[in-house]
Amino acid sequence: MTDFSRLSASWVEWSNRAQLTNPGVTTNCDDCEIAFTSDDYSVHLRHDDIWWIVDTVDDRGQRHSDTAKLSTFDLAEKYLVWSWASIARGVLGARRLGPDLYARGFSPDVEVIPVSEGISELQSQSGNAILMEPYATIFSHLMSKSIDEIEDLSTADLK
């Protein structure tokens, strides 16, 4: 059984920093392993035989399926923490970290396989991910980092 405690704590931290309304976490979800919810934005994390799959729900309740596919829970955790931190940093008016990583292009440590227009599969020593742009380029630099490194990078200049 997957331990969601660290990811759940991260959701609580970043959703509060992002000032989301009524944040919560539940494993009592009919179509996913765990749901990270709020009135403004939610994430459903599903798992099939191959992928951890991220679905998002916007503030109008519209669900966007398969926004990210990651081959390991570790990569899913890194991706979600980075995504949540990026949203919160924007709300807080902190410097956005993604544009600097995007400007570098894809990491040389990652093999990039185009899947379709604007969607790439990233293959690395850490596992694989299928993401849309610009997230694929940005995440290619984060795949080899530890979750602690991602959290440190995300909080370094926050009070």
N, C-alpha and C. Protein backbone atom coordinates (compact mmCIF):
# COMPACT_ATOMS: atom_id res chain seq x y z
N MET A 1 0.84 -1.19 0.00
CA MET A 1 0.00 0.00 0.00
C MET A 1 0.89 1.25 0.00
N THR A 2 0.50 2.21 -0.78
CA THR A 2 1.27 3.44 -0.92
C THR A 2 1.07 4.35 0.28
N ASP A 3 2.15 4.94 0.74
CA ASP A 3 2.09 5.88 1.86
C ASP A 3 1.91 7.29 1.30
N PHE A 4 0.74 7.84 1.50
CA PHE A 4 0.42 9.17 0.99
C PHE A 4 0.63 10.28 2.03
N SER A 5 1.19 9.95 3.18
CA SER A 5 1.24 10.93 4.28
C SER A 5 2.06 12.17 3.92
N ARG A 6 3.22 11.99 3.33
CA ARG A 6 4.05 13.15 2.99
C ARG A 6 3.38 14.01 1.92
N LEU A 7 2.82 13.37 0.91
CA LEU A 7 2.15 14.10 -0.15
C LEU A 7 0.91 14.82 0.39
N SER A 8 0.20 14.18 1.28
CA SER A 8 -0.98 14.81 1.90
C SER A 8 -0.58 16.05 2.70
N ALA A 9 0.49 15.93 3.48
CA ALA A 9 0.97 17.07 4.25
C ALA A 9 1.41 18.21 3.33
N SER A 10 2.02 17.86 2.22
CA SER A 10 2.44 18.87 1.26
C SER A 10 1.22 19.59 0.67
N TRP A 11 0.18 18.83 0.34
CA TRP A 11 -1.05 19.46 -0.18
C TRP A 11 -1.61 20.46 0.83
N VAL A 12 -1.69 20.06 2.08
CA VAL A 12 -2.22 20.94 3.12
C VAL A 12 -1.38 22.22 3.20
N GLU A 13 -0.07 22.05 3.21
CA GLU A 13 0.81 23.22 3.29
C GLU A 13 0.62 24.15 2.09
N TRP A 14 0.73 23.61 0.87
CA TRP A 14 0.71 24.46 -0.31
C TRP A 14 -0.69 24.99 -0.61
N SER A 15 -1.73 24.22 -0.33
CA SER A 15 -3.09 24.72 -0.57
C SER A 15 -3.40 25.88 0.38
N ASN A 16 -2.90 25.79 1.61
CA ASN A 16 -3.08 26.91 2.54
C ASN A 16 -2.29 28.13 2.09
N ARG A 17 -1.05 27.93 1.64
CA ARG A 17 -0.26 29.06 1.15
C ARG A 17 -0.91 29.70 -0.07
N ALA A 18 -1.56 28.86 -0.90
CA ALA A 18 -2.23 29.37 -2.10
C ALA A 18 -3.61 29.95 -1.79
N GLN A 19 -4.00 29.88 -0.53
CA GLN A 19 -5.28 30.42 -0.07
C GLN A 19 -6.47 29.75 -0.75
N LEU A 20 -6.34 28.43 -0.99
CA LEU A 20 -7.46 27.68 -1.55
C LEU A 20 -8.52 27.51 -0.47
N THR A 21 -9.76 27.44 -0.88
CA THR A 21 -10.88 27.34 0.04
C THR A 21 -11.21 25.88 0.35
N ASN A 22 -11.32 25.56 1.63
CA ASN A 22 -11.71 24.23 2.11
C ASN A 22 -10.82 23.10 1.60
N PRO A 23 -9.50 23.19 1.78
CA PRO A 23 -8.64 22.10 1.31
C PRO A 23 -8.87 20.83 2.13
N GLY A 24 -8.72 19.69 1.47
CA GLY A 24 -8.87 18.41 2.14
C GLY A 24 -8.20 17.30 1.36
N VAL A 25 -8.12 16.14 1.98
CA VAL A 25 -7.52 14.96 1.37
C VAL A 25 -8.43 13.78 1.67
N THR A 26 -8.67 12.94 0.66
CA THR A 26 -9.47 11.75 0.90
C THR A 26 -8.97 10.57 0.06
N THR A 27 -9.00 9.41 0.67
CA THR A 27 -8.74 8.17 -0.07
C THR A 27 -10.07 7.45 -0.33
N ASN A 28 -11.15 8.11 0.03
CA ASN A 28 -12.49 7.57 -0.21
C ASN A 28 -13.03 8.15 -1.51
N CYS A 29 -12.42 7.75 -2.61
CA CYS A 29 -12.74 8.27 -3.94
C CYS A 29 -13.02 7.08 -4.85
N ASP A 30 -14.13 7.13 -5.58
CA ASP A 30 -14.54 6.01 -6.43
C ASP A 30 -13.61 5.75 -7.60
N ASP A 31 -12.93 6.78 -8.09
CA ASP A 31 -12.16 6.61 -9.32
C ASP A 31 -10.68 6.96 -9.19
N CYS A 32 -10.18 7.02 -7.95
CA CYS A 32 -8.77 7.32 -7.79
C CYS A 32 -8.25 6.74 -6.48
N GLU A 33 -6.94 6.75 -6.33
CA GLU A 33 -6.31 6.29 -5.10
C GLU A 33 -6.45 7.32 -3.98
N ILE A 34 -6.30 8.60 -4.37
CA ILE A 34 -6.37 9.69 -3.40
C ILE A 34 -6.77 10.96 -4.14
N ALA A 35 -7.55 11.79 -3.47
CA ALA A 35 -7.96 13.07 -4.03
C ALA A 35 -7.52 14.19 -3.08
N PHE A 36 -6.94 15.21 -3.67
CA PHE A 36 -6.52 16.41 -2.96
C PHE A 36 -7.51 17.49 -3.38
N THR A 37 -8.36 17.90 -2.48
CA THR A 37 -9.51 18.70 -2.88
C THR A 37 -9.51 20.10 -2.29
N SER A 38 -10.22 20.98 -2.96
CA SER A 38 -10.57 22.30 -2.45
C SER A 38 -11.73 22.78 -3.30
N ASP A 39 -12.32 23.91 -2.92
CA ASP A 39 -13.41 24.46 -3.72
C ASP A 39 -12.88 25.10 -5.01
N ASP A 40 -11.56 25.38 -5.05
CA ASP A 40 -10.97 26.14 -6.16
C ASP A 40 -10.23 25.27 -7.18
N TYR A 41 -9.67 24.17 -6.73
CA TYR A 41 -8.80 23.34 -7.56
C TYR A 41 -8.60 22.03 -6.84
N SER A 42 -8.69 20.93 -7.57
CA SER A 42 -8.49 19.62 -6.96
C SER A 42 -7.65 18.73 -7.88
N VAL A 43 -7.05 17.72 -7.27
CA VAL A 43 -6.25 16.75 -8.01
C VAL A 43 -6.69 15.35 -7.61
N HIS A 44 -6.94 14.52 -8.60
CA HIS A 44 -7.22 13.10 -8.38
C HIS A 44 -6.01 12.33 -8.89
N LEU A 45 -5.46 11.47 -8.06
CA LEU A 45 -4.31 10.67 -8.44
C LEU A 45 -4.77 9.22 -8.59
N ARG A 46 -4.69 8.73 -9.83
CA ARG A 46 -5.10 7.37 -10.15
C ARG A 46 -3.85 6.52 -10.40
N HIS A 47 -4.01 5.20 -10.29
CA HIS A 47 -2.91 4.30 -10.59
C HIS A 47 -3.45 3.12 -11.39
N ASP A 48 -2.81 2.87 -12.54
CA ASP A 48 -3.13 1.66 -13.28
C ASP A 48 -1.91 0.76 -13.23
N ASP A 49 -1.81 -0.21 -14.08
CA ASP A 49 -0.69 -1.15 -14.03
C ASP A 49 0.65 -0.50 -14.37
N ILE A 50 0.62 0.60 -15.10
CA ILE A 50 1.87 1.21 -15.57
C ILE A 50 2.10 2.61 -15.00
N TRP A 51 1.06 3.42 -14.91
CA TRP A 51 1.21 4.85 -14.64
C TRP A 51 0.50 5.29 -13.38
N TRP A 52 1.05 6.34 -12.77
CA TRP A 52 0.33 7.17 -11.81
C TRP A 52 -0.20 8.33 -12.66
N ILE A 53 -1.50 8.52 -12.67
CA ILE A 53 -2.15 9.46 -13.58
C ILE A 53 -2.79 10.59 -12.77
N VAL A 54 -2.52 11.81 -13.21
CA VAL A 54 -3.03 13.01 -12.55
C VAL A 54 -4.20 13.57 -13.35
N ASP A 55 -5.33 13.72 -12.68
CA ASP A 55 -6.49 14.43 -13.23
C ASP A 55 -6.68 15.67 -12.38
N THR A 56 -7.03 16.79 -12.99
CA THR A 56 -7.28 18.01 -12.23
C THR A 56 -8.73 18.44 -12.41
N VAL A 57 -9.23 19.17 -11.43
CA VAL A 57 -10.58 19.72 -11.47
C VAL A 57 -10.46 21.21 -11.18
N ASP A 58 -11.00 22.03 -12.09
CA ASP A 58 -10.88 23.49 -11.91
C ASP A 58 -12.00 24.03 -11.01
N ASP A 59 -12.00 25.33 -10.84
CA ASP A 59 -12.95 25.97 -9.92
C ASP A 59 -14.40 25.90 -10.40
N ARG A 60 -14.64 25.51 -11.64
CA ARG A 60 -16.00 25.32 -12.15
C ARG A 60 -16.42 23.85 -12.08
N GLY A 61 -15.54 23.01 -11.50
CA GLY A 61 -15.85 21.59 -11.38
C GLY A 61 -15.59 20.80 -12.64
N GLN A 62 -14.90 21.41 -13.60
CA GLN A 62 -14.59 20.72 -14.85
C GLN A 62 -13.34 19.87 -14.67
N ARG A 63 -13.47 18.57 -14.95
CA ARG A 63 -12.37 17.64 -14.77
C ARG A 63 -11.55 17.54 -16.05
N HIS A 64 -10.24 17.58 -15.88
CA HIS A 64 -9.29 17.43 -16.99
C HIS A 64 -8.50 16.15 -16.72
N SER A 65 -8.80 15.12 -17.49
CA SER A 65 -8.19 13.81 -17.27
C SER A 65 -6.82 13.72 -17.92
N ASP A 66 -5.97 12.90 -17.32
CA ASP A 66 -4.65 12.58 -17.88
C ASP A 66 -3.78 13.80 -18.10
N THR A 67 -3.79 14.75 -17.17
CA THR A 67 -2.94 15.93 -17.35
C THR A 67 -1.47 15.58 -17.17
N ALA A 68 -1.19 14.48 -16.50
CA ALA A 68 0.18 14.00 -16.35
C ALA A 68 0.14 12.49 -16.10
N LYS A 69 1.14 11.80 -16.63
CA LYS A 69 1.32 10.37 -16.36
C LYS A 69 2.76 10.17 -15.93
N LEU A 70 2.93 9.48 -14.80
CA LEU A 70 4.26 9.28 -14.24
C LEU A 70 4.43 7.80 -13.89
N SER A 71 5.60 7.25 -14.16
CA SER A 71 5.79 5.81 -14.02
C SER A 71 5.99 5.33 -12.59
N THR A 72 6.32 6.23 -11.68
CA THR A 72 6.52 5.85 -10.28
C THR A 72 5.79 6.83 -9.36
N PHE A 73 5.48 6.36 -8.17
CA PHE A 73 4.86 7.26 -7.20
C PHE A 73 5.83 8.38 -6.83
N ASP A 74 7.12 8.06 -6.75
CA ASP A 74 8.13 9.08 -6.43
C ASP A 74 8.06 10.24 -7.43
N LEU A 75 7.97 9.93 -8.72
CA LEU A 75 7.86 10.99 -9.72
C LEU A 75 6.54 11.74 -9.61
N ALA A 76 5.46 11.01 -9.32
CA ALA A 76 4.16 11.67 -9.14
C ALA A 76 4.22 12.65 -7.98
N GLU A 77 4.86 12.23 -6.90
CA GLU A 77 5.00 13.10 -5.73
C GLU A 77 5.81 14.35 -6.08
N LYS A 78 6.92 14.18 -6.77
CA LYS A 78 7.74 15.33 -7.17
C LYS A 78 6.94 16.28 -8.06
N TYR A 79 6.24 15.70 -9.04
CA TYR A 79 5.46 16.52 -9.97
C TYR A 79 4.38 17.32 -9.24
N LEU A 80 3.66 16.65 -8.35
CA LEU A 80 2.57 17.34 -7.65
C LEU A 80 3.09 18.40 -6.69
N VAL A 81 4.13 18.10 -5.94
CA VAL A 81 4.69 19.10 -5.03
C VAL A 81 5.16 20.32 -5.81
N TRP A 82 5.85 20.09 -6.91
CA TRP A 82 6.30 21.22 -7.74
C TRP A 82 5.11 22.02 -8.26
N SER A 83 4.08 21.33 -8.74
CA SER A 83 2.90 22.02 -9.28
C SER A 83 2.21 22.85 -8.21
N TRP A 84 2.00 22.25 -7.04
CA TRP A 84 1.32 22.97 -5.96
C TRP A 84 2.16 24.15 -5.48
N ALA A 85 3.46 23.95 -5.36
CA ALA A 85 4.34 25.04 -4.93
C ALA A 85 4.33 26.17 -5.95
N SER A 86 4.30 25.83 -7.22
CA SER A 86 4.27 26.86 -8.27
C SER A 86 3.00 27.69 -8.20
N ILE A 87 1.87 27.04 -7.96
CA ILE A 87 0.60 27.76 -7.83
C ILE A 87 0.67 28.70 -6.62
N ALA A 88 1.12 28.19 -5.50
CA ALA A 88 1.19 29.00 -4.28
C ALA A 88 2.15 30.16 -4.45
N ARG A 89 3.30 29.91 -5.06
CA ARG A 89 4.28 30.98 -5.26
C ARG A 89 3.66 32.11 -6.10
N GLY A 90 2.86 31.74 -7.09
CA GLY A 90 2.19 32.75 -7.91
C GLY A 90 1.22 33.58 -7.10
N VAL A 91 0.44 32.93 -6.26
CA VAL A 91 -0.52 33.63 -5.40
C VAL A 91 0.20 34.56 -4.44
N LEU A 92 1.34 34.11 -3.92
CA LEU A 92 2.10 34.89 -2.94
C LEU A 92 2.93 36.01 -3.58
N GLY A 93 3.00 36.02 -4.90
CA GLY A 93 3.80 37.03 -5.59
C GLY A 93 5.28 36.75 -5.57
N ALA A 94 5.65 35.51 -5.26
CA ALA A 94 7.07 35.12 -5.24
C ALA A 94 7.57 34.92 -6.67
N ARG A 95 8.86 34.96 -6.81
CA ARG A 95 9.48 34.75 -8.13
C ARG A 95 9.09 33.37 -8.65
N ARG A 96 8.67 33.32 -9.89
CA ARG A 96 8.32 32.05 -10.52
C ARG A 96 9.60 31.32 -10.89
N LEU A 97 9.66 30.04 -10.56
CA LEU A 97 10.87 29.25 -10.79
C LEU A 97 10.84 28.51 -12.12
N GLY A 98 9.66 28.23 -12.62
CA GLY A 98 9.52 27.48 -13.87
C GLY A 98 10.16 28.12 -15.08
N PRO A 99 9.99 29.43 -15.29
CA PRO A 99 10.56 30.05 -16.49
C PRO A 99 12.07 29.88 -16.63
N ASP A 100 12.81 29.91 -15.52
CA ASP A 100 14.26 29.71 -15.60
C ASP A 100 14.59 28.30 -16.07
N LEU A 101 13.86 27.32 -15.56
CA LEU A 101 14.09 25.93 -15.98
C LEU A 101 13.66 25.73 -17.42
N TYR A 102 12.56 26.32 -17.80
CA TYR A 102 12.07 26.20 -19.18
C TYR A 102 13.07 26.80 -20.17
N ALA A 103 13.68 27.92 -19.79
CA ALA A 103 14.63 28.61 -20.67
C ALA A 103 15.86 27.75 -20.98
N ARG A 104 16.14 26.78 -20.13
CA ARG A 104 17.29 25.89 -20.36
C ARG A 104 17.02 24.82 -21.41
N GLY A 105 15.76 24.67 -21.82
CA GLY A 105 15.39 23.57 -22.71
C GLY A 105 15.36 22.28 -21.90
N PHE A 106 15.18 21.17 -22.59
CA PHE A 106 15.12 19.88 -21.90
C PHE A 106 16.46 19.55 -21.24
N SER A 107 16.39 18.89 -20.11
CA SER A 107 17.60 18.43 -19.42
C SER A 107 18.34 17.43 -20.32
N PRO A 108 19.66 17.54 -20.39
CA PRO A 108 20.43 16.57 -21.18
C PRO A 108 20.41 15.16 -20.59
N ASP A 109 19.96 15.03 -19.34
CA ASP A 109 19.90 13.74 -18.67
C ASP A 109 18.62 12.97 -18.99
N VAL A 110 17.76 13.57 -19.80
CA VAL A 110 16.46 12.98 -20.10
C VAL A 110 16.33 12.77 -21.60
N GLU A 111 15.84 11.60 -21.98
CA GLU A 111 15.52 11.35 -23.38
C GLU A 111 14.09 11.81 -23.62
N VAL A 112 13.89 12.60 -24.67
CA VAL A 112 12.57 13.17 -24.96
C VAL A 112 12.01 12.51 -26.21
N ILE A 113 10.82 11.94 -26.07
CA ILE A 113 10.15 11.30 -27.20
C ILE A 113 8.82 12.02 -27.42
N PRO A 114 8.67 12.68 -28.58
CA PRO A 114 7.39 13.35 -28.86
C PRO A 114 6.26 12.31 -28.94
N VAL A 115 5.16 12.61 -28.26
CA VAL A 115 3.99 11.73 -28.29
C VAL A 115 2.97 12.28 -29.28
N SER A 116 2.70 13.56 -29.17
CA SER A 116 1.83 14.28 -30.09
C SER A 116 2.18 15.75 -29.96
N GLU A 117 1.51 16.59 -30.72
CA GLU A 117 1.80 18.03 -30.68
C GLU A 117 1.70 18.55 -29.25
N GLY A 118 2.81 19.07 -28.71
CA GLY A 118 2.83 19.67 -27.39
C GLY A 118 2.89 18.69 -26.23
N ILE A 119 3.02 17.40 -26.50
CA ILE A 119 3.09 16.39 -25.44
C ILE A 119 4.32 15.53 -25.68
N SER A 120 5.11 15.32 -24.61
CA SER A 120 6.34 14.54 -24.72
C SER A 120 6.41 13.49 -23.63
N GLU A 121 7.06 12.38 -23.96
CA GLU A 121 7.41 11.40 -22.94
C GLU A 121 8.87 11.64 -22.57
N LEU A 122 9.11 11.75 -21.27
CA LEU A 122 10.45 11.93 -20.75
C LEU A 122 10.91 10.60 -20.18
N GLN A 123 12.08 10.15 -20.60
CA GLN A 123 12.64 8.91 -20.08
C GLN A 123 13.94 9.23 -19.38
N SER A 124 14.03 8.81 -18.11
CA SER A 124 15.22 9.11 -17.33
C SER A 124 15.55 7.94 -16.42
N GLN A 125 16.68 8.04 -15.74
CA GLN A 125 17.07 7.03 -14.75
C GLN A 125 16.03 6.93 -13.63
N SER A 126 15.33 8.02 -13.38
CA SER A 126 14.33 8.06 -12.30
C SER A 126 12.98 7.48 -12.70
N GLY A 127 12.77 7.28 -13.99
CA GLY A 127 11.50 6.79 -14.50
C GLY A 127 11.04 7.62 -15.68
N ASN A 128 9.78 7.45 -16.03
CA ASN A 128 9.22 8.11 -17.21
C ASN A 128 8.06 9.00 -16.82
N ALA A 129 7.82 10.00 -17.67
CA ALA A 129 6.69 10.90 -17.49
C ALA A 129 6.16 11.31 -18.85
N ILE A 130 4.85 11.45 -18.94
CA ILE A 130 4.23 11.99 -20.14
C ILE A 130 3.52 13.27 -19.72
N LEU A 131 3.99 14.39 -20.30
CA LEU A 131 3.51 15.71 -19.88
C LEU A 131 3.33 16.64 -21.08
N MET A 132 2.45 17.63 -20.90
CA MET A 132 2.28 18.69 -21.87
C MET A 132 3.38 19.73 -21.66
N GLU A 133 3.58 20.52 -22.69
CA GLU A 133 4.46 21.68 -22.55
C GLU A 133 3.70 22.80 -21.86
N PRO A 134 4.35 23.64 -21.09
CA PRO A 134 5.78 23.73 -20.83
C PRO A 134 6.24 22.82 -19.70
N TYR A 135 5.29 22.05 -19.12
CA TYR A 135 5.60 21.24 -17.94
C TYR A 135 6.64 20.16 -18.23
N ALA A 136 6.63 19.62 -19.44
CA ALA A 136 7.61 18.58 -19.78
C ALA A 136 9.03 19.13 -19.70
N THR A 137 9.25 20.29 -20.29
CA THR A 137 10.59 20.88 -20.27
C THR A 137 11.01 21.20 -18.84
N ILE A 138 10.13 21.81 -18.08
CA ILE A 138 10.45 22.17 -16.69
C ILE A 138 10.73 20.93 -15.86
N PHE A 139 9.82 19.94 -15.94
CA PHE A 139 9.95 18.75 -15.09
C PHE A 139 11.16 17.91 -15.46
N SER A 140 11.64 18.02 -16.69
CA SER A 140 12.83 17.25 -17.08
C SER A 140 14.02 17.59 -16.17
N HIS A 141 14.05 18.80 -15.64
CA HIS A 141 15.13 19.23 -14.74
C HIS A 141 14.90 18.80 -13.29
N LEU A 142 13.70 18.37 -12.98
CA LEU A 142 13.36 18.02 -11.60
C LEU A 142 13.31 16.52 -11.35
N MET A 143 13.26 15.73 -12.40
CA MET A 143 13.09 14.28 -12.26
C MET A 143 14.18 13.63 -11.42
N SER A 144 15.41 14.10 -11.56
CA SER A 144 16.53 13.47 -10.84
C SER A 144 16.73 14.06 -9.44
N LYS A 145 16.00 15.12 -9.13
CA LYS A 145 16.14 15.74 -7.80
C LYS A 145 15.32 14.94 -6.78
N SER A 146 15.73 15.01 -5.53
CA SER A 146 14.95 14.38 -4.47
C SER A 146 13.76 15.28 -4.14
N ILE A 147 12.78 14.71 -3.47
CA ILE A 147 11.64 15.51 -3.05
C ILE A 147 12.09 16.61 -2.09
N ASP A 148 13.08 16.32 -1.26
CA ASP A 148 13.62 17.34 -0.34
C ASP A 148 14.23 18.50 -1.12
N GLU A 149 14.97 18.20 -2.18
CA GLU A 149 15.57 19.26 -2.99
C GLU A 149 14.49 20.12 -3.65
N ILE A 150 13.42 19.49 -4.12
CA ILE A 150 12.33 20.23 -4.74
C ILE A 150 11.64 21.12 -3.71
N GLU A 151 11.40 20.59 -2.52
CA GLU A 151 10.79 21.40 -1.47
C GLU A 151 11.70 22.55 -1.06
N ASP A 152 13.01 22.30 -0.95
CA ASP A 152 13.94 23.37 -0.59
C ASP A 152 13.96 24.46 -1.65
N LEU A 153 13.99 24.06 -2.92
CA LEU A 153 13.97 25.02 -4.02
C LEU A 153 12.69 25.84 -3.99
N SER A 154 11.58 25.19 -3.68
CA SER A 154 10.28 25.86 -3.69
C SER A 154 10.09 26.83 -2.53
N THR A 155 10.76 26.59 -1.42
CA THR A 155 10.56 27.42 -0.23
C THR A 155 11.71 28.36 0.08
N ALA A 156 12.79 28.28 -0.68
CA ALA A 156 14.03 28.99 -0.33
C ALA A 156 13.83 30.48 -0.05
N ASP A 157 13.00 31.15 -0.85
CA ASP A 157 12.84 32.59 -0.66
C ASP A 157 11.48 32.98 -0.08
N LEU A 158 10.76 32.01 0.48
CA LEU A 158 9.47 32.30 1.10
C LEU A 158 9.67 32.49 2.60
N LYS A 159 8.83 33.29 3.18
CA LYS A 159 8.91 33.54 4.62
C LYS A 159 8.14 32.51 5.39
